[in-house]
Amino acid sequence: VQYADYTLWQRDLLGDVEDPHSEIAAQVEYWKQTLAGLPDRISLPTDRPHPQVASYRGDTVSFEWSADLHTRLEDLARQSGASLFMVANA
């Protein structure tokens, strides 16, 4: 299934967000009310202060792991019913 097919199915199922009587409009309204009043940024401890203006610069961190570790991680993913990506993130 392509993403475009999924979006068409979802629109058929949930309706149009512009229709106030649709399921999607009700869901959007629910989340607007639920999330209303939350701060833009949660204050969590960081190792450096947030910049006054976002630079949108990113960075890359490279690493390597052995073929044996890769094989073991794939086995773990398969046994867990997860993807290798999910195991690596966990």
PDB file of N, CA and C in Angstrom:
ATOM      1  N   VAL A   1       0.851  -1.180   0.000  1.00  0.00           N
ATOM      2  CA  VAL A   1       0.000   0.000   0.000  1.00  0.00           C
ATOM      3  C   VAL A   1       0.894   1.240   0.000  1.00  0.00           C
ATOM      4  N   GLN A   2       0.608   2.134  -0.885  1.00  0.00           N
ATOM      5  CA  GLN A   2       1.329   3.394  -0.954  1.00  0.00           C
ATOM      6  C   GLN A   2       0.695   4.388   0.026  1.00  0.00           C
ATOM      7  N   TYR A   3       1.474   5.366   0.451  1.00  0.00           N
ATOM      8  CA  TYR A   3       0.975   6.351   1.405  1.00  0.00           C
ATOM      9  C   TYR A   3      -0.256   7.075   0.850  1.00  0.00           C
ATOM     10  N   ALA A   4      -0.232   7.386  -0.440  1.00  0.00           N
ATOM     11  CA  ALA A   4      -1.379   8.083  -1.041  1.00  0.00           C
ATOM     12  C   ALA A   4      -2.648   7.241  -0.925  1.00  0.00           C
ATOM     13  N   ASP A   5      -2.523   5.925  -1.107  1.00  0.00           N
ATOM     14  CA  ASP A   5      -3.686   5.038  -0.963  1.00  0.00           C
ATOM     15  C   ASP A   5      -4.205   5.069   0.473  1.00  0.00           C
ATOM     16  N   TYR A   6      -3.272   5.079   1.428  1.00  0.00           N
ATOM     17  CA  TYR A   6      -3.661   5.135   2.838  1.00  0.00           C
ATOM     18  C   TYR A   6      -4.427   6.426   3.138  1.00  0.00           C
ATOM     19  N   THR A   7      -3.939   7.538   2.610  1.00  0.00           N
ATOM     20  CA  THR A   7      -4.613   8.812   2.881  1.00  0.00           C
ATOM     21  C   THR A   7      -6.007   8.836   2.284  1.00  0.00           C
ATOM     22  N   LEU A   8      -6.172   8.242   1.103  1.00  0.00           N
ATOM     23  CA  LEU A   8      -7.503   8.181   0.492  1.00  0.00           C
ATOM     24  C   LEU A   8      -8.437   7.311   1.328  1.00  0.00           C
ATOM     25  N   TRP A   9      -7.929   6.161   1.804  1.00  0.00           N
ATOM     26  CA  TRP A   9      -8.732   5.291   2.662  1.00  0.00           C
ATOM     27  C   TRP A   9      -9.111   6.018   3.948  1.00  0.00           C
ATOM     28  N   GLN A  10      -8.148   6.713   4.527  1.00  0.00           N
ATOM     29  CA  GLN A  10      -8.408   7.433   5.774  1.00  0.00           C
ATOM     30  C   GLN A  10      -9.465   8.514   5.561  1.00  0.00           C
ATOM     31  N   ARG A  11      -9.384   9.205   4.452  1.00  0.00           N
ATOM     32  CA  ARG A  11     -10.367  10.259   4.184  1.00  0.00           C
ATOM     33  C   ARG A  11     -11.757   9.665   3.996  1.00  0.00           C
ATOM     34  N   ASP A  12     -11.823   8.511   3.307  1.00  0.00           N
ATOM     35  CA  ASP A  12     -13.118   7.837   3.150  1.00  0.00           C
ATOM     36  C   ASP A  12     -13.673   7.412   4.507  1.00  0.00           C
ATOM     37  N   LEU A  13     -12.811   6.932   5.378  1.00  0.00           N
ATOM     38  CA  LEU A  13     -13.239   6.434   6.680  1.00  0.00           C
ATOM     39  C   LEU A  13     -13.605   7.560   7.639  1.00  0.00           C
ATOM     40  N   LEU A  14     -12.758   8.599   7.695  1.00  0.00           N
ATOM     41  CA  LEU A  14     -12.927   9.649   8.704  1.00  0.00           C
ATOM     42  C   LEU A  14     -13.620  10.903   8.199  1.00  0.00           C
ATOM     43  N   GLY A  15     -13.705  11.070   6.895  1.00  0.00           N
ATOM     44  CA  GLY A  15     -14.356  12.256   6.349  1.00  0.00           C
ATOM     45  C   GLY A  15     -13.390  13.408   6.164  1.00  0.00           C
ATOM     46  N   ASP A  16     -13.951  14.547   5.861  1.00  0.00           N
ATOM     47  CA  ASP A  16     -13.176  15.751   5.577  1.00  0.00           C
ATOM     48  C   ASP A  16     -13.081  16.601   6.833  1.00  0.00           C
ATOM     49  N   VAL A  17     -11.902  17.089   7.111  1.00  0.00           N
ATOM     50  CA  VAL A  17     -11.694  17.910   8.308  1.00  0.00           C
ATOM     51  C   VAL A  17     -12.522  19.198   8.254  1.00  0.00           C
ATOM     52  N   GLU A  18     -12.873  19.641   7.058  1.00  0.00           N
ATOM     53  CA  GLU A  18     -13.690  20.847   6.897  1.00  0.00           C
ATOM     54  C   GLU A  18     -15.162  20.613   7.239  1.00  0.00           C
ATOM     55  N   ASP A  19     -15.574  19.354   7.276  1.00  0.00           N
ATOM     56  CA  ASP A  19     -16.961  19.003   7.623  1.00  0.00           C
ATOM     57  C   ASP A  19     -17.054  18.892   9.141  1.00  0.00           C
ATOM     58  N   PRO A  20     -17.761  19.808   9.824  1.00  0.00           N
ATOM     59  CA  PRO A  20     -17.803  19.790  11.283  1.00  0.00           C
ATOM     60  C   PRO A  20     -18.458  18.541  11.873  1.00  0.00           C
ATOM     61  N   HIS A  21     -19.162  17.764  11.059  1.00  0.00           N
ATOM     62  CA  HIS A  21     -19.834  16.560  11.541  1.00  0.00           C
ATOM     63  C   HIS A  21     -19.029  15.290  11.262  1.00  0.00           C
ATOM     64  N   SER A  22     -17.857  15.425  10.684  1.00  0.00           N
ATOM     65  CA  SER A  22     -17.054  14.248  10.346  1.00  0.00           C
ATOM     66  C   SER A  22     -16.301  13.735  11.567  1.00  0.00           C
ATOM     67  N   GLU A  23     -15.889  12.480  11.480  1.00  0.00           N
ATOM     68  CA  GLU A  23     -15.111  11.863  12.561  1.00  0.00           C
ATOM     69  C   GLU A  23     -13.770  12.556  12.738  1.00  0.00           C
ATOM     70  N   ILE A  24     -13.118  12.914  11.648  1.00  0.00           N
ATOM     71  CA  ILE A  24     -11.806  13.563  11.752  1.00  0.00           C
ATOM     72  C   ILE A  24     -11.924  14.935  12.402  1.00  0.00           C
ATOM     73  N   ALA A  25     -12.985  15.660  12.103  1.00  0.00           N
ATOM     74  CA  ALA A  25     -13.181  16.973  12.731  1.00  0.00           C
ATOM     75  C   ALA A  25     -13.374  16.811  14.240  1.00  0.00           C
ATOM     76  N   ALA A  26     -14.082  15.771  14.651  1.00  0.00           N
ATOM     77  CA  ALA A  26     -14.277  15.515  16.080  1.00  0.00           C
ATOM     78  C   ALA A  26     -12.952  15.153  16.749  1.00  0.00           C
ATOM     79  N   GLN A  27     -12.132  14.360  16.063  1.00  0.00           N
ATOM     80  CA  GLN A  27     -10.828  13.995  16.619  1.00  0.00           C
ATOM     81  C   GLN A  27      -9.905  15.203  16.729  1.00  0.00           C
ATOM     82  N   VAL A  28      -9.885  16.029  15.702  1.00  0.00           N
ATOM     83  CA  VAL A  28      -9.054  17.233  15.740  1.00  0.00           C
ATOM     84  C   VAL A  28      -9.499  18.135  16.882  1.00  0.00           C
ATOM     85  N   GLU A  29     -10.786  18.306  17.049  1.00  0.00           N
ATOM     86  CA  GLU A  29     -11.304  19.150  18.137  1.00  0.00           C
ATOM     87  C   GLU A  29     -10.937  18.575  19.499  1.00  0.00           C
ATOM     88  N   TYR A  30     -11.038  17.256  19.636  1.00  0.00           N
ATOM     89  CA  TYR A  30     -10.660  16.602  20.888  1.00  0.00           C
ATOM     90  C   TYR A  30      -9.215  16.931  21.247  1.00  0.00           C
ATOM     91  N   TRP A  31      -8.301  16.774  20.281  1.00  0.00           N
ATOM     92  CA  TRP A  31      -6.886  17.018  20.571  1.00  0.00           C
ATOM     93  C   TRP A  31      -6.586  18.485  20.784  1.00  0.00           C
ATOM     94  N   LYS A  32      -7.305  19.359  20.103  1.00  0.00           N
ATOM     95  CA  LYS A  32      -7.125  20.797  20.364  1.00  0.00           C
ATOM     96  C   LYS A  32      -7.483  21.122  21.807  1.00  0.00           C
ATOM     97  N   GLN A  33      -8.590  20.569  22.282  1.00  0.00           N
ATOM     98  CA  GLN A  33      -9.014  20.817  23.668  1.00  0.00           C
ATOM     99  C   GLN A  33      -8.074  20.143  24.665  1.00  0.00           C
ATOM    100  N   THR A  34      -7.669  18.923  24.369  1.00  0.00           N
ATOM    101  CA  THR A  34      -6.798  18.176  25.270  1.00  0.00           C
ATOM    102  C   THR A  34      -5.433  18.841  25.414  1.00  0.00           C
ATOM    103  N   LEU A  35      -4.905  19.364  24.330  1.00  0.00           N
ATOM    104  CA  LEU A  35      -3.562  19.945  24.334  1.00  0.00           C
ATOM    105  C   LEU A  35      -3.555  21.451  24.581  1.00  0.00           C
ATOM    106  N   ALA A  36      -4.724  22.052  24.710  1.00  0.00           N
ATOM    107  CA  ALA A  36      -4.799  23.503  24.929  1.00  0.00           C
ATOM    108  C   ALA A  36      -4.103  23.872  26.232  1.00  0.00           C
ATOM    109  N   GLY A  37      -3.353  24.940  26.182  1.00  0.00           N
ATOM    110  CA  GLY A  37      -2.707  25.446  27.382  1.00  0.00           C
ATOM    111  C   GLY A  37      -1.360  24.819  27.691  1.00  0.00           C
ATOM    112  N   LEU A  38      -0.934  23.843  26.891  1.00  0.00           N
ATOM    113  CA  LEU A  38       0.382  23.260  27.128  1.00  0.00           C
ATOM    114  C   LEU A  38       1.461  24.252  26.705  1.00  0.00           C
ATOM    115  N   PRO A  39       2.611  24.225  27.350  1.00  0.00           N
ATOM    116  CA  PRO A  39       3.684  25.141  26.962  1.00  0.00           C
ATOM    117  C   PRO A  39       4.258  24.755  25.601  1.00  0.00           C
ATOM    118  N   ASP A  40       4.842  25.747  24.919  1.00  0.00           N
ATOM    119  CA  ASP A  40       5.471  25.482  23.629  1.00  0.00           C
ATOM    120  C   ASP A  40       6.685  24.575  23.796  1.00  0.00           C
ATOM    121  N   ARG A  41       7.380  24.720  24.908  1.00  0.00           N
ATOM    122  CA  ARG A  41       8.562  23.918  25.170  1.00  0.00           C
ATOM    123  C   ARG A  41       8.525  23.462  26.618  1.00  0.00           C
ATOM    124  N   ILE A  42       8.768  22.180  26.824  1.00  0.00           N
ATOM    125  CA  ILE A  42       8.834  21.645  28.179  1.00  0.00           C
ATOM    126  C   ILE A  42      10.222  21.912  28.730  1.00  0.00           C
ATOM    127  N   SER A  43      10.282  22.399  29.929  1.00  0.00           N
ATOM    128  CA  SER A  43      11.571  22.673  30.554  1.00  0.00           C
ATOM    129  C   SER A  43      12.178  21.377  31.070  1.00  0.00           C
ATOM    130  N   LEU A  44      13.165  20.892  30.367  1.00  0.00           N
ATOM    131  CA  LEU A  44      13.895  19.706  30.769  1.00  0.00           C
ATOM    132  C   LEU A  44      15.357  20.083  30.946  1.00  0.00           C
ATOM    133  N   PRO A  45      16.055  19.391  31.819  1.00  0.00           N
ATOM    134  CA  PRO A  45      17.475  19.709  31.972  1.00  0.00           C
ATOM    135  C   PRO A  45      18.227  19.392  30.685  1.00  0.00           C
ATOM    136  N   THR A  46      19.087  20.289  30.269  1.00  0.00           N
ATOM    137  CA  THR A  46      19.889  20.101  29.064  1.00  0.00           C
ATOM    138  C   THR A  46      21.343  20.366  29.386  1.00  0.00           C
ATOM    139  N   ASP A  47      22.216  19.974  28.474  1.00  0.00           N
ATOM    140  CA  ASP A  47      23.636  20.196  28.697  1.00  0.00           C
ATOM    141  C   ASP A  47      24.083  21.575  28.219  1.00  0.00           C
ATOM    142  N   ARG A  48      23.183  22.292  27.551  1.00  0.00           N
ATOM    143  CA  ARG A  48      23.482  23.666  27.126  1.00  0.00           C
ATOM    144  C   ARG A  48      22.169  24.410  26.949  1.00  0.00           C
ATOM    145  N   PRO A  49      22.183  25.715  27.057  1.00  0.00           N
ATOM    146  CA  PRO A  49      20.922  26.470  26.930  1.00  0.00           C
ATOM    147  C   PRO A  49      20.410  26.468  25.488  1.00  0.00           C
ATOM    148  N   HIS A  50      19.100  26.619  25.361  1.00  0.00           N
ATOM    149  CA  HIS A  50      18.503  26.763  24.033  1.00  0.00           C
ATOM    150  C   HIS A  50      18.906  28.111  23.449  1.00  0.00           C
ATOM    151  N   PRO A  51      19.207  28.165  22.158  1.00  0.00           N
ATOM    152  CA  PRO A  51      19.534  29.456  21.549  1.00  0.00           C
ATOM    153  C   PRO A  51      18.296  30.348  21.478  1.00  0.00           C
ATOM    154  N   GLN A  52      18.504  31.636  21.473  1.00  0.00           N
ATOM    155  CA  GLN A  52      17.390  32.571  21.351  1.00  0.00           C
ATOM    156  C   GLN A  52      16.691  32.421  20.005  1.00  0.00           C
ATOM    157  N   VAL A  53      17.482  32.148  18.959  1.00  0.00           N
ATOM    158  CA  VAL A  53      16.942  31.961  17.615  1.00  0.00           C
ATOM    159  C   VAL A  53      17.447  30.617  17.105  1.00  0.00           C
ATOM    160  N   ALA A  54      16.540  29.766  16.641  1.00  0.00           N
ATOM    161  CA  ALA A  54      16.925  28.450  16.141  1.00  0.00           C
ATOM    162  C   ALA A  54      17.772  28.577  14.885  1.00  0.00           C
ATOM    163  N   SER A  55      18.853  27.816  14.824  1.00  0.00           N
ATOM    164  CA  SER A  55      19.723  27.856  13.647  1.00  0.00           C
ATOM    165  C   SER A  55      19.338  26.801  12.619  1.00  0.00           C
ATOM    166  N   TYR A  56      18.639  25.774  13.042  1.00  0.00           N
ATOM    167  CA  TYR A  56      18.228  24.656  12.204  1.00  0.00           C
ATOM    168  C   TYR A  56      19.421  23.906  11.613  1.00  0.00           C
ATOM    169  N   ARG A  57      20.583  24.046  12.241  1.00  0.00           N
ATOM    170  CA  ARG A  57      21.743  23.281  11.813  1.00  0.00           C
ATOM    171  C   ARG A  57      21.655  21.892  12.421  1.00  0.00           C
ATOM    172  N   GLY A  58      22.021  20.924  11.663  1.00  0.00           N
ATOM    173  CA  GLY A  58      22.047  19.561  12.156  1.00  0.00           C
ATOM    174  C   GLY A  58      23.468  19.053  12.213  1.00  0.00           C
ATOM    175  N   ASP A  59      23.617  17.833  12.575  1.00  0.00           N
ATOM    176  CA  ASP A  59      24.931  17.221  12.638  1.00  0.00           C
ATOM    177  C   ASP A  59      24.772  15.735  12.376  1.00  0.00           C
ATOM    178  N   THR A  60      25.873  15.073  12.143  1.00  0.00           N
ATOM    179  CA  THR A  60      25.891  13.651  11.883  1.00  0.00           C
ATOM    180  C   THR A  60      26.832  12.980  12.863  1.00  0.00           C
ATOM    181  N   VAL A  61      26.405  11.864  13.379  1.00  0.00           N
ATOM    182  CA  VAL A  61      27.260  11.049  14.234  1.00  0.00           C
ATOM    183  C   VAL A  61      27.382   9.689  13.560  1.00  0.00           C
ATOM    184  N   SER A  62      28.580   9.320  13.199  1.00  0.00           N
ATOM    185  CA  SER A  62      28.809   8.041  12.531  1.00  0.00           C
ATOM    186  C   SER A  62      29.302   7.008  13.533  1.00  0.00           C
ATOM    187  N   PHE A  63      28.929   5.764  13.309  1.00  0.00           N
ATOM    188  CA  PHE A  63      29.416   4.666  14.140  1.00  0.00           C
ATOM    189  C   PHE A  63      29.364   3.402  13.313  1.00  0.00           C
ATOM    190  N   GLU A  64      30.046   2.399  13.773  1.00  0.00           N
ATOM    191  CA  GLU A  64      30.033   1.091  13.117  1.00  0.00           C
ATOM    192  C   GLU A  64      29.834   0.027  14.166  1.00  0.00           C
ATOM    193  N   TRP A  65      29.183  -1.069  13.784  1.00  0.00           N
ATOM    194  CA  TRP A  65      29.125  -2.223  14.653  1.00  0.00           C
ATOM    195  C   TRP A  65      29.509  -3.452  13.840  1.00  0.00           C
ATOM    196  N   SER A  66      29.903  -4.464  14.536  1.00  0.00           N
ATOM    197  CA  SER A  66      30.421  -5.666  13.876  1.00  0.00           C
ATOM    198  C   SER A  66      29.294  -6.428  13.183  1.00  0.00           C
ATOM    199  N   ALA A  67      29.702  -7.282  12.231  1.00  0.00           N
ATOM    200  CA  ALA A  67      28.729  -8.118  11.530  1.00  0.00           C
ATOM    201  C   ALA A  67      28.034  -9.061  12.508  1.00  0.00           C
ATOM    202  N   ASP A  68      28.774  -9.544  13.507  1.00  0.00           N
ATOM    203  CA  ASP A  68      28.188 -10.431  14.511  1.00  0.00           C
ATOM    204  C   ASP A  68      27.098  -9.711  15.309  1.00  0.00           C
ATOM    205  N   LEU A  69      27.382  -8.480  15.740  1.00  0.00           N
ATOM    206  CA  LEU A  69      26.376  -7.719  16.485  1.00  0.00           C
ATOM    207  C   LEU A  69      25.159  -7.462  15.609  1.00  0.00           C
ATOM    208  N   HIS A  70      25.369  -7.145  14.354  1.00  0.00           N
ATOM    209  CA  HIS A  70      24.264  -6.900  13.424  1.00  0.00           C
ATOM    210  C   HIS A  70      23.385  -8.139  13.306  1.00  0.00           C
ATOM    211  N   THR A  71      24.018  -9.287  13.163  1.00  0.00           N
ATOM    212  CA  THR A  71      23.264 -10.542  13.063  1.00  0.00           C
ATOM    213  C   THR A  71      22.466 -10.803  14.329  1.00  0.00           C
ATOM    214  N   ARG A  72      23.075 -10.576  15.481  1.00  0.00           N
ATOM    215  CA  ARG A  72      22.370 -10.796  16.746  1.00  0.00           C
ATOM    216  C   ARG A  72      21.206  -9.816  16.922  1.00  0.00           C
ATOM    217  N   LEU A  73      21.402  -8.581  16.504  1.00  0.00           N
ATOM    218  CA  LEU A  73      20.313  -7.598  16.587  1.00  0.00           C
ATOM    219  C   LEU A  73      19.163  -7.960  15.650  1.00  0.00           C
ATOM    220  N   GLU A  74      19.491  -8.427  14.456  1.00  0.00           N
ATOM    221  CA  GLU A  74      18.437  -8.876  13.538  1.00  0.00           C
ATOM    222  C   GLU A  74      17.663 -10.058  14.122  1.00  0.00           C
ATOM    223  N   ASP A  75      18.392 -10.990  14.770  1.00  0.00           N
ATOM    224  CA  ASP A  75      17.721 -12.127  15.419  1.00  0.00           C
ATOM    225  C   ASP A  75      16.779 -11.643  16.517  1.00  0.00           C
ATOM    226  N   LEU A  76      17.255 -10.710  17.323  1.00  0.00           N
ATOM    227  CA  LEU A  76      16.417 -10.157  18.389  1.00  0.00           C
ATOM    228  C   LEU A  76      15.181  -9.487  17.810  1.00  0.00           C
ATOM    229  N   ALA A  77      15.365  -8.720  16.747  1.00  0.00           N
ATOM    230  CA  ALA A  77      14.224  -8.048  16.109  1.00  0.00           C
ATOM    231  C   ALA A  77      13.215  -9.071  15.613  1.00  0.00           C
ATOM    232  N   ARG A  78      13.701 -10.114  14.947  1.00  0.00           N
ATOM    233  CA  ARG A  78      12.810 -11.150  14.414  1.00  0.00           C
ATOM    234  C   ARG A  78      12.050 -11.837  15.545  1.00  0.00           C
ATOM    235  N   GLN A  79      12.757 -12.194  16.626  1.00  0.00           N
ATOM    236  CA  GLN A  79      12.115 -12.862  17.762  1.00  0.00           C
ATOM    237  C   GLN A  79      11.085 -11.960  18.442  1.00  0.00           C
ATOM    238  N   SER A  80      11.322 -10.665  18.409  1.00  0.00           N
ATOM    239  CA  SER A  80      10.439  -9.709  19.082  1.00  0.00           C
ATOM    240  C   SER A  80       9.309  -9.218  18.191  1.00  0.00           C
ATOM    241  N   GLY A  81       9.345  -9.597  16.920  1.00  0.00           N
ATOM    242  CA  GLY A  81       8.333  -9.100  15.988  1.00  0.00           C
ATOM    243  C   GLY A  81       8.504  -7.625  15.702  1.00  0.00           C
ATOM    244  N   ALA A  82       9.754  -7.179  15.718  1.00  0.00           N
ATOM    245  CA  ALA A  82      10.056  -5.761  15.508  1.00  0.00           C
ATOM    246  C   ALA A  82      11.029  -5.618  14.345  1.00  0.00           C
ATOM    247  N   SER A  83      11.225  -4.400  13.914  1.00  0.00           N
ATOM    248  CA  SER A  83      12.219  -4.139  12.876  1.00  0.00           C
ATOM    249  C   SER A  83      13.571  -3.869  13.538  1.00  0.00           C
ATOM    250  N   LEU A  84      14.628  -3.983  12.754  1.00  0.00           N
ATOM    251  CA  LEU A  84      15.957  -3.663  13.263  1.00  0.00           C
ATOM    252  C   LEU A  84      16.008  -2.203  13.709  1.00  0.00           C
ATOM    253  N   PHE A  85      15.334  -1.334  12.984  1.00  0.00           N
ATOM    254  CA  PHE A  85      15.262   0.081  13.357  1.00  0.00           C
ATOM    255  C   PHE A  85      14.671   0.245  14.753  1.00  0.00           C
ATOM    256  N   MET A  86      13.582  -0.472  15.027  1.00  0.00           N
ATOM    257  CA  MET A  86      12.942  -0.374  16.349  1.00  0.00           C
ATOM    258  C   MET A  86      13.860  -0.894  17.447  1.00  0.00           C
ATOM    259  N   VAL A  87      14.558  -1.992  17.179  1.00  0.00           N
ATOM    260  CA  VAL A  87      15.476  -2.536  18.187  1.00  0.00           C
ATOM    261  C   VAL A  87      16.609  -1.555  18.453  1.00  0.00           C
ATOM    262  N   ALA A  88      17.180  -0.990  17.389  1.00  0.00           N
ATOM    263  CA  ALA A  88      18.286  -0.035  17.558  1.00  0.00           C
ATOM    264  C   ALA A  88      17.825   1.199  18.342  1.00  0.00           C
ATOM    265  N   ASN A  89      16.619   1.658  18.095  1.00  0.00           N
ATOM    266  CA  ASN A  89      16.112   2.823  18.832  1.00  0.00           C
ATOM    267  C   ASN A  89      15.830   2.492  20.292  1.00  0.00           C
ATOM    268  N   ALA A  90      15.370   1.274  20.528  1.00  0.00           N
ATOM    269  CA  ALA A  90      15.083   0.867  21.906  1.00  0.00           C
ATOM    270  C   ALA A  90      16.370   0.764  22.697  1.00  0.00           C
TER     271      ALA A  90
END
